[in-house]
Protein backbone atom coordinates (compact mmCIF):
# COMPACT_ATOMS: atom_id res chain seq x y z
CA MET A 1 -123.57 58.58 -118.70
CA SER A 2 -121.07 55.81 -119.38
CA GLN A 3 -118.50 58.38 -120.44
CA ALA A 4 -119.04 60.37 -117.22
CA THR A 5 -118.67 57.22 -115.14
CA ASP A 6 -115.49 56.27 -116.92
CA THR A 7 -114.09 59.76 -116.39
CA GLN A 8 -114.93 59.65 -112.66
CA GLN A 9 -113.31 56.24 -112.26
CA HIS A 10 -110.25 57.38 -114.17
CA THR A 11 -109.91 60.45 -111.95
CA ALA A 12 -110.34 58.45 -108.76
CA GLY A 13 -107.92 55.75 -109.72
CA SER A 14 -105.34 57.77 -111.63
CA GLY A 15 -101.86 58.11 -110.26
CA GLY A 16 -100.39 61.13 -108.55
CA PRO A 17 -101.49 63.11 -105.51
CA VAL A 18 -104.36 64.82 -107.35
CA GLY A 19 -105.92 61.57 -108.47
CA TYR A 20 -105.40 59.97 -105.07
CA ALA A 21 -107.04 62.95 -103.32
CA ALA A 22 -109.94 62.83 -105.81
CA GLY A 23 -110.63 59.22 -104.84
CA ILE A 24 -110.61 60.13 -101.14
CA LYS A 25 -112.99 63.01 -101.86
CA ASP A 26 -115.43 60.68 -103.64
CA VAL A 27 -115.57 58.36 -100.62
CA VAL A 28 -115.97 61.32 -98.20
CA VAL A 29 -118.83 62.80 -100.23
CA LEU A 30 -120.57 59.43 -100.44
CA GLU A 31 -120.22 58.84 -96.67
CA LEU A 32 -121.38 62.33 -95.69
CA LYS A 33 -124.43 62.11 -97.96
CA GLN A 34 -125.43 58.89 -96.22
CA ARG A 35 -124.95 60.45 -92.79
CA LEU A 36 -126.83 63.64 -93.65
CA ARG A 37 -129.85 61.62 -94.81
CA SER A 38 -130.14 60.15 -91.31
CA ARG A 39 -132.45 62.00 -88.95
CA GLY A 40 -130.69 60.50 -85.93
CA TRP A 41 -127.51 62.48 -86.64
CA TYR A 42 -129.41 65.78 -86.38
CA ILE A 43 -131.18 64.62 -83.21
CA MET A 44 -127.83 63.78 -81.61
CA LEU A 45 -126.48 67.18 -82.64
CA ALA A 46 -129.46 68.98 -81.10
CA ILE A 47 -129.18 66.99 -77.86
CA TRP A 48 -125.44 67.78 -77.74
CA PHE A 49 -126.15 71.52 -78.12
CA LEU A 50 -128.82 71.51 -75.42
CA LEU A 51 -126.68 69.52 -72.96
CA THR A 52 -123.69 71.81 -73.47
CA GLY A 53 -125.92 74.83 -72.93
CA LEU A 54 -127.34 73.28 -69.76
CA VAL A 55 -123.85 72.60 -68.40
CA THR A 56 -122.85 76.19 -69.18
CA TRP A 57 -125.88 77.61 -67.39
CA LEU A 58 -125.40 75.36 -64.34
CA THR A 59 -121.74 76.37 -64.11
CA TRP A 60 -122.62 80.06 -64.30
CA ALA A 61 -125.35 79.63 -61.64
CA SER A 62 -122.94 77.72 -59.39
CA TRP A 63 -120.36 80.48 -59.66
CA ASN A 64 -122.93 83.15 -58.79
CA ALA A 65 -124.12 81.13 -55.78
CA SER A 66 -120.59 80.65 -54.46
CA GLN A 67 -119.83 84.35 -54.84
CA ALA A 68 -123.03 85.29 -53.02
CA ALA A 69 -122.15 82.92 -50.17
CA GLN A 70 -118.68 84.43 -49.84
CA ARG A 71 -120.10 87.94 -49.67
CA ALA A 72 -122.72 86.94 -47.09
CA TYR A 73 -120.58 84.92 -44.68
CA SER A 74 -117.08 86.31 -45.08
CA ASP A 75 -115.48 89.71 -44.79
CA PHE A 76 -112.69 88.68 -47.15
CA THR A 77 -113.57 88.45 -50.83
CA PRO A 78 -110.96 87.32 -53.36
CA ALA A 79 -110.23 89.27 -56.50
CA GLN A 80 -113.03 89.02 -59.03
CA THR A 81 -112.00 87.60 -62.39
CA GLY A 82 -115.46 86.69 -63.64
CA PRO A 83 -117.01 83.26 -64.24
CA GLY A 84 -115.40 82.95 -67.68
CA SER A 85 -112.50 80.79 -66.55
CA MET A 86 -114.72 78.39 -64.61
CA ILE A 87 -117.22 78.09 -67.46
CA PHE A 88 -114.43 77.50 -69.97
CA GLU A 89 -112.83 74.72 -67.91
CA VAL A 90 -116.08 72.90 -67.11
CA VAL A 91 -117.42 73.11 -70.66
CA LEU A 92 -114.06 72.03 -72.08
CA ALA A 93 -113.96 68.96 -69.81
CA PHE A 94 -117.57 68.13 -70.70
CA VAL A 95 -117.04 68.54 -74.45
CA LEU A 96 -113.89 66.42 -74.42
CA LEU A 97 -115.63 63.68 -72.42
CA PHE A 98 -118.61 63.43 -74.75
CA ALA A 99 -116.46 63.86 -77.85
CA LEU A 100 -114.53 60.77 -76.77
CA LEU A 101 -117.88 58.98 -76.45
CA VAL A 102 -119.36 60.17 -79.75
CA ALA A 103 -116.30 59.67 -81.99
CA PRO A 104 -116.19 55.85 -81.62
CA ALA A 105 -119.89 55.63 -82.48
CA LEU A 106 -119.25 57.57 -85.72
CA SER A 107 -116.14 55.66 -86.80
CA ALA A 108 -116.00 52.18 -85.30
CA ASN A 109 -118.36 50.63 -87.89
CA ALA A 110 -117.28 52.69 -90.88
CA VAL A 111 -115.71 49.77 -92.77
CA ASN A 112 -117.18 46.56 -91.40
CA GLY A 113 -120.62 48.19 -91.40
CA ASP A 114 -120.37 48.41 -95.20
CA ARG A 115 -118.95 44.89 -95.27
CA ALA A 116 -121.94 43.59 -93.30
CA GLY A 117 -124.28 45.44 -95.65
CA GLY A 118 -122.59 44.08 -98.74
CA THR A 119 -121.57 47.52 -100.06
CA LEU A 120 -117.84 47.42 -99.31
CA ALA A 121 -117.15 45.03 -102.15
CA ILE A 122 -118.76 47.49 -104.56
CA LEU A 123 -116.11 50.08 -103.63
CA GLN A 124 -113.32 47.52 -103.75
CA VAL A 125 -114.08 46.44 -107.33
CA THR A 126 -113.77 50.04 -108.56
CA LEU A 127 -110.48 51.75 -109.30
CA LEU A 128 -110.38 53.07 -105.74
CA GLN A 129 -107.32 51.91 -103.85
CA PRO A 130 -107.57 50.51 -100.28
CA GLY A 131 -105.89 53.61 -98.88
CA GLN A 132 -108.41 55.88 -100.59
CA ILE A 133 -111.31 53.93 -99.11
CA LEU A 134 -109.76 53.95 -95.65
CA TRP A 135 -108.82 57.63 -95.66
CA GLY A 136 -112.22 58.56 -97.07
CA LYS A 137 -113.95 56.70 -94.25
CA PHE A 138 -111.68 58.40 -91.71
CA PHE A 139 -112.23 61.95 -92.98
CA ALA A 140 -115.99 61.42 -93.21
CA ALA A 141 -116.15 60.22 -89.59
CA TRP A 142 -113.87 63.06 -88.49
CA PHE A 143 -115.92 65.74 -90.25
CA ALA A 144 -119.11 64.35 -88.74
CA ALA A 145 -117.55 64.45 -85.27
CA LEU A 146 -116.25 68.00 -85.82
CA ALA A 147 -119.84 69.16 -86.26
CA PHE A 148 -120.36 68.47 -82.56
CA LEU A 149 -117.34 70.63 -81.70
CA VAL A 150 -118.72 73.44 -83.85
CA ALA A 151 -122.01 73.21 -81.95
CA SER A 152 -120.18 73.62 -78.64
CA THR A 153 -117.98 76.52 -79.77
CA PRO A 154 -120.41 79.30 -78.67
CA PHE A 155 -120.29 78.05 -75.09
CA LEU A 156 -116.49 78.09 -75.03
CA VAL A 157 -116.57 81.63 -76.42
CA ILE A 158 -118.72 82.62 -73.44
CA GLY A 159 -115.58 82.15 -71.33
CA VAL A 160 -113.98 85.02 -73.24
CA ALA A 161 -117.06 87.23 -73.00
CA LEU A 162 -117.41 86.79 -69.22
CA GLY A 163 -113.76 87.48 -68.46
CA GLY A 164 -110.76 85.52 -67.33
CA MET A 165 -109.95 83.95 -70.72
CA THR A 166 -108.58 85.15 -74.05
CA PRO A 167 -109.46 84.17 -77.64
CA GLY A 168 -106.17 82.27 -77.78
CA HIS A 169 -107.42 79.87 -75.11
CA VAL A 170 -110.54 79.03 -77.15
CA ILE A 171 -108.61 78.64 -80.42
CA VAL A 172 -105.99 76.32 -78.92
CA ALA A 173 -108.64 74.33 -77.05
CA LEU A 174 -110.71 73.81 -80.21
CA LEU A 175 -107.65 72.81 -82.23
CA MET A 176 -106.56 70.26 -79.64
CA LEU A 177 -110.11 68.94 -79.29
CA ALA A 178 -110.29 68.50 -83.05
CA VAL A 179 -106.95 66.65 -83.07
CA GLU A 180 -108.00 64.34 -80.23
CA VAL A 181 -111.29 63.56 -81.96
CA GLY A 182 -109.33 62.82 -85.14
CA VAL A 183 -107.08 60.40 -83.26
CA VAL A 184 -110.08 58.54 -81.86
CA CYS A 185 -111.72 58.43 -85.29
CA ALA A 186 -108.52 57.00 -86.80
CA VAL A 187 -108.42 54.34 -84.08
CA GLY A 188 -112.08 53.50 -84.72
CA VAL A 189 -111.71 53.26 -88.51
CA GLY A 190 -108.57 51.13 -88.19
CA ILE A 191 -110.27 48.72 -85.80
CA SER A 192 -113.36 48.70 -88.02
CA ALA A 193 -111.26 47.56 -90.97
CA LEU A 194 -109.65 44.81 -88.90
CA ALA A 195 -112.73 43.46 -87.10
CA GLY A 196 -115.32 41.36 -88.86
CA ARG A 197 -118.35 42.41 -86.80
CA PRO A 198 -119.50 46.03 -86.25
CA LEU A 199 -120.49 45.39 -82.64
CA PHE A 200 -117.09 43.93 -81.83
CA SER A 201 -115.22 46.86 -83.37
CA ILE A 202 -117.38 49.38 -81.50
CA VAL A 203 -116.71 47.65 -78.17
CA VAL A 204 -112.97 47.40 -78.87
CA THR A 205 -112.81 51.07 -79.85
CA TYR A 206 -114.53 52.12 -76.64
CA LEU A 207 -112.10 49.93 -74.71
CA ALA A 208 -109.19 51.64 -76.51
CA VAL A 209 -110.56 55.06 -75.55
CA ALA A 210 -111.04 53.88 -71.98
CA GLY A 211 -107.45 52.67 -72.01
CA LEU A 212 -106.24 56.13 -73.02
CA VAL A 213 -108.38 57.95 -70.45
CA ILE A 214 -108.44 55.55 -67.49
CA GLY A 215 -105.85 52.92 -68.33
CA THR A 216 -103.05 55.49 -68.49
CA LEU A 217 -103.88 56.61 -64.94
CA ILE A 218 -103.87 53.03 -63.69
CA ALA A 219 -100.59 52.29 -65.48
CA PHE A 220 -99.01 55.42 -64.01
CA GLY A 221 -100.18 54.55 -60.50
CA LEU A 222 -98.89 51.00 -60.71
CA GLY A 223 -95.66 52.12 -62.35
CA THR A 224 -95.02 54.69 -59.65
CA GLY A 225 -94.95 51.94 -57.05
CA LEU A 226 -92.20 50.20 -59.03
CA THR A 227 -89.99 53.27 -59.37
CA GLN A 228 -89.06 53.92 -55.76
CA GLY A 229 -85.75 55.73 -55.34
CA THR A 230 -84.02 58.28 -53.15
CA ILE A 231 -83.37 62.01 -53.18
CA MET A 232 -80.92 64.20 -51.28
CA ALA A 233 -82.92 66.72 -49.25
CA ASN A 234 -82.81 68.58 -45.94
CA GLN A 235 -85.50 69.75 -43.52
CA PRO A 236 -88.26 72.20 -44.64
CA ASN A 237 -89.39 74.83 -42.14
CA TYR A 238 -92.89 76.07 -43.04
CA ARG A 239 -93.97 79.62 -42.27
CA GLU A 240 -97.06 80.38 -40.22
CA TYR A 241 -100.17 80.67 -42.39
CA GLN A 242 -101.44 84.28 -42.64
CA PRO A 243 -104.36 84.47 -45.10
CA LEU A 244 -104.78 88.27 -44.98
CA SER A 245 -101.09 89.11 -45.05
CA ASN A 246 -99.77 91.35 -47.82
CA GLY A 247 -96.31 89.79 -47.67
CA PRO A 248 -94.92 87.33 -50.20
CA VAL A 249 -96.53 83.89 -50.24
CA GLU A 250 -93.68 81.98 -51.88
CA PRO A 251 -91.50 80.37 -50.88
CA GLU A 252 -93.81 78.89 -48.28
CA TYR A 253 -90.91 77.25 -46.44
CA THR A 254 -87.18 77.53 -45.95
CA CYS A 255 -84.62 74.73 -46.01
CA SER A 256 -82.12 74.08 -43.25
CA GLY A 257 -79.94 71.29 -41.95
CA PRO A 258 -77.66 68.82 -43.66
CA LEU A 259 -78.66 67.02 -46.84
CA ARG A 260 -79.80 63.47 -46.21
CA GLU A 261 -80.90 60.64 -48.46
CA GLN A 262 -84.68 60.30 -48.34
CA PRO A 263 -87.07 57.92 -50.14
CA ALA A 264 -88.95 59.36 -53.11
CA ALA A 265 -90.91 58.00 -56.07
CA ARG A 266 -89.17 58.56 -59.42
CA THR A 267 -92.35 59.55 -61.22
CA GLU A 268 -90.46 60.99 -64.22
CA ARG A 269 -89.72 57.43 -65.35
CA VAL A 270 -93.40 56.58 -65.90
CA ALA A 271 -94.81 60.05 -66.62
CA TRP A 272 -95.11 59.19 -70.31
CA PHE A 273 -98.16 57.10 -69.40
CA LEU A 274 -99.92 60.28 -68.31
CA ALA A 275 -98.76 62.10 -71.44
CA MET A 276 -100.91 59.75 -73.58
CA ASN A 277 -104.08 60.76 -71.73
CA PRO A 278 -106.33 62.93 -73.96
CA TYR A 279 -107.14 65.23 -71.04
CA VAL A 280 -103.45 65.79 -70.37
CA VAL A 281 -102.75 66.52 -74.05
CA VAL A 282 -105.52 69.13 -74.25
CA ALA A 283 -104.84 70.67 -70.82
CA ASP A 284 -101.09 70.96 -71.32
CA ALA A 285 -101.43 72.62 -74.74
CA ILE A 286 -103.54 75.52 -73.45
CA PRO A 287 -101.35 78.60 -72.77
CA TYR A 288 -102.31 79.50 -69.22
CA PRO A 289 -101.18 82.84 -67.74
CA GLU A 290 -98.16 82.97 -65.45
CA ARG A 291 -99.05 82.28 -61.81
CA THR A 292 -95.63 82.66 -60.22
CA ASP A 293 -96.24 86.02 -58.52
CA PRO A 294 -94.60 85.84 -55.06
CA GLN A 295 -97.29 88.15 -53.62
CA GLY A 296 -100.04 85.60 -54.07
CA PHE A 297 -101.12 82.32 -55.58
CA THR A 298 -104.19 82.24 -57.80
CA SER A 299 -106.25 79.08 -57.62
CA VAL A 300 -106.45 77.11 -60.85
CA GLY A 301 -109.27 75.19 -62.44
CA ALA A 302 -109.73 71.48 -63.05
CA ILE A 303 -108.18 71.42 -66.53
CA GLU A 304 -105.15 73.44 -65.42
CA ASN A 305 -104.79 71.16 -62.39
CA ILE A 306 -104.56 68.22 -64.79
CA SER A 307 -101.68 69.94 -66.58
CA GLN A 308 -99.99 70.71 -63.27
CA GLY A 309 -100.35 67.12 -62.08
CA ALA A 310 -98.70 65.81 -65.24
CA ARG A 311 -95.90 68.37 -64.93
CA TYR A 312 -95.32 67.36 -61.31
CA ALA A 313 -94.98 63.76 -62.46
CA MET A 314 -92.60 64.72 -65.29
CA ALA A 315 -90.47 66.90 -62.98
CA GLY A 316 -89.91 64.05 -60.54
CA PRO A 317 -88.63 64.52 -56.98
CA GLU A 318 -85.89 66.93 -58.13
CA GLY A 319 -88.56 69.49 -59.02
CA THR A 320 -91.29 68.74 -56.48
CA PHE A 321 -89.83 67.14 -53.33
CA PRO A 322 -89.61 69.73 -50.48
CA CYS A 323 -86.02 70.94 -50.03
CA ALA A 324 -84.65 68.56 -52.67
CA ASN A 325 -80.94 69.37 -53.03
CA GLY A 326 -81.44 72.08 -50.38
CA GLU A 327 -83.77 74.22 -52.54
CA ALA A 328 -87.34 75.34 -51.91
CA LYS A 329 -89.67 74.22 -54.68
CA PRO A 330 -92.51 76.33 -56.12
CA ARG A 331 -96.09 75.18 -55.76
CA TYR A 332 -96.87 76.10 -59.37
CA LEU A 333 -94.72 74.72 -62.19
CA ALA A 334 -94.42 77.08 -65.15
CA GLN A 335 -95.13 75.77 -68.66
CA GLU A 336 -91.53 75.66 -69.82
CA ALA A 337 -91.03 72.30 -71.55
CA PRO A 338 -94.32 71.22 -73.20
CA LEU A 339 -95.53 67.74 -72.35
CA TRP A 340 -98.35 67.41 -74.87
CA PRO A 341 -96.15 66.74 -77.97
CA LEU A 342 -94.93 63.50 -76.37
CA GLY A 343 -98.45 62.31 -75.60
CA LEU A 344 -99.83 63.33 -78.98
CA GLY A 345 -96.92 61.63 -80.73
CA LEU A 346 -97.61 58.36 -78.90
CA GLN A 347 -101.31 58.62 -79.76
CA LEU A 348 -100.49 59.20 -83.44
CA VAL A 349 -98.20 56.16 -83.45
CA LEU A 350 -101.08 54.03 -82.11
CA ALA A 351 -103.58 55.47 -84.59
CA GLY A 352 -101.13 55.16 -87.48
CA LEU A 353 -100.41 51.51 -86.65
CA LEU A 354 -104.12 50.64 -86.61
CA MET A 355 -104.72 52.52 -89.87
CA TRP A 356 -101.83 50.66 -91.51
CA LEU A 357 -103.17 47.31 -90.34
CA GLY A 358 -106.61 48.33 -91.61
CA TRP A 359 -105.12 49.21 -94.98
CA ARG A 360 -103.55 45.76 -95.19
CA SER A 361 -106.89 44.12 -94.47
CA LEU A 362 -108.60 46.05 -97.31
CA ARG A 363 -106.17 44.99 -100.00
CA THR A 364 -107.59 42.84 -102.76
CA PRO A 365 -107.61 40.04 -103.63
CA ALA A 366 -108.15 38.88 -100.06
CA HIS A 367 -106.25 35.64 -99.53
CA ARG A 368 -108.09 34.73 -96.33
CA LEU A 369 -111.45 35.80 -94.92
CA ALA A 370 -113.00 35.14 -91.54
CA SER A 371 -115.82 32.63 -91.35
CA GLY A 372 -119.19 34.23 -92.13
CA THR A 373 -117.73 37.31 -93.85
CA ARG A 374 -120.16 38.75 -96.38
CA ILE A 375 -118.71 39.57 -99.80
CA ALA A 376 -121.64 41.23 -101.60
């Protein structure tokens, strides 16, 4: 037994990528075994599955009711594309919302929870390096959070089965959801390594998530008021609205008259705030179909509207202001230059900084400890 223990410690602490990865694997296995022994984790997973199924059913029932009302009280019925697109967008928004709520609970006490229980020092006195402990805690929290995404996958696939979506939409959505959950788990583990109390780290992690989701919107709104500028534009002349006309819908106005300087908000200067929002990152990465047909304009869902709103902000008045530079602007902005890499890059910088600071706090010997910190 002593020989086996020595061999395991040698493998975990040996140099090279293989030995480093073996140490991370040992921590991941240990963490997952502890989580799988807990009955609460399975209860949360079952509740997650039932809630996602309930949201899916309510969305499908709402779509059927709206279609029945249109057929009963209107002679004009839009083209039927099936409830798949609506179900996909609602379930995706719901899953992302609750994933951002579950991930901090699974990661924000990963390190200081062991410190409070007196088990962190046991890992630190082994041949495991601080980075191996930290990465092991991160991957264990991430894998546990991914189980909730796996449970919600069947309901996203329903969007493909009911029409309006393709398998590519589900694959990209799941990949981006997994990445966003990983970012939140990295933030939680980093804060957990820095904070002395589990409750404090959980609260701070939730505040960080709220800053990404809500704080970015507030920062963009306040920043827009500070970026007032001007744009050269002339007068738009809107056509008369004809809902049953078979003629082209766009452009919806023509431009005439001399160009004049008009006030406009330079939203492109602060659009990077929106890019950091998890909803914007996920929405902008999904490859939506082209909706630039001049014969009609297909309404878009909530998630696609989020992507369009961010693209409007990134385009600025040159791409959205009516008759800017004497040109009519389209109502729908095509997905030409992706916005999500910028937002994801900024999120990774934040997560990487917190993980690096957490790694520094796990180095031994510790020269300074907070008052009341438990060693073993």
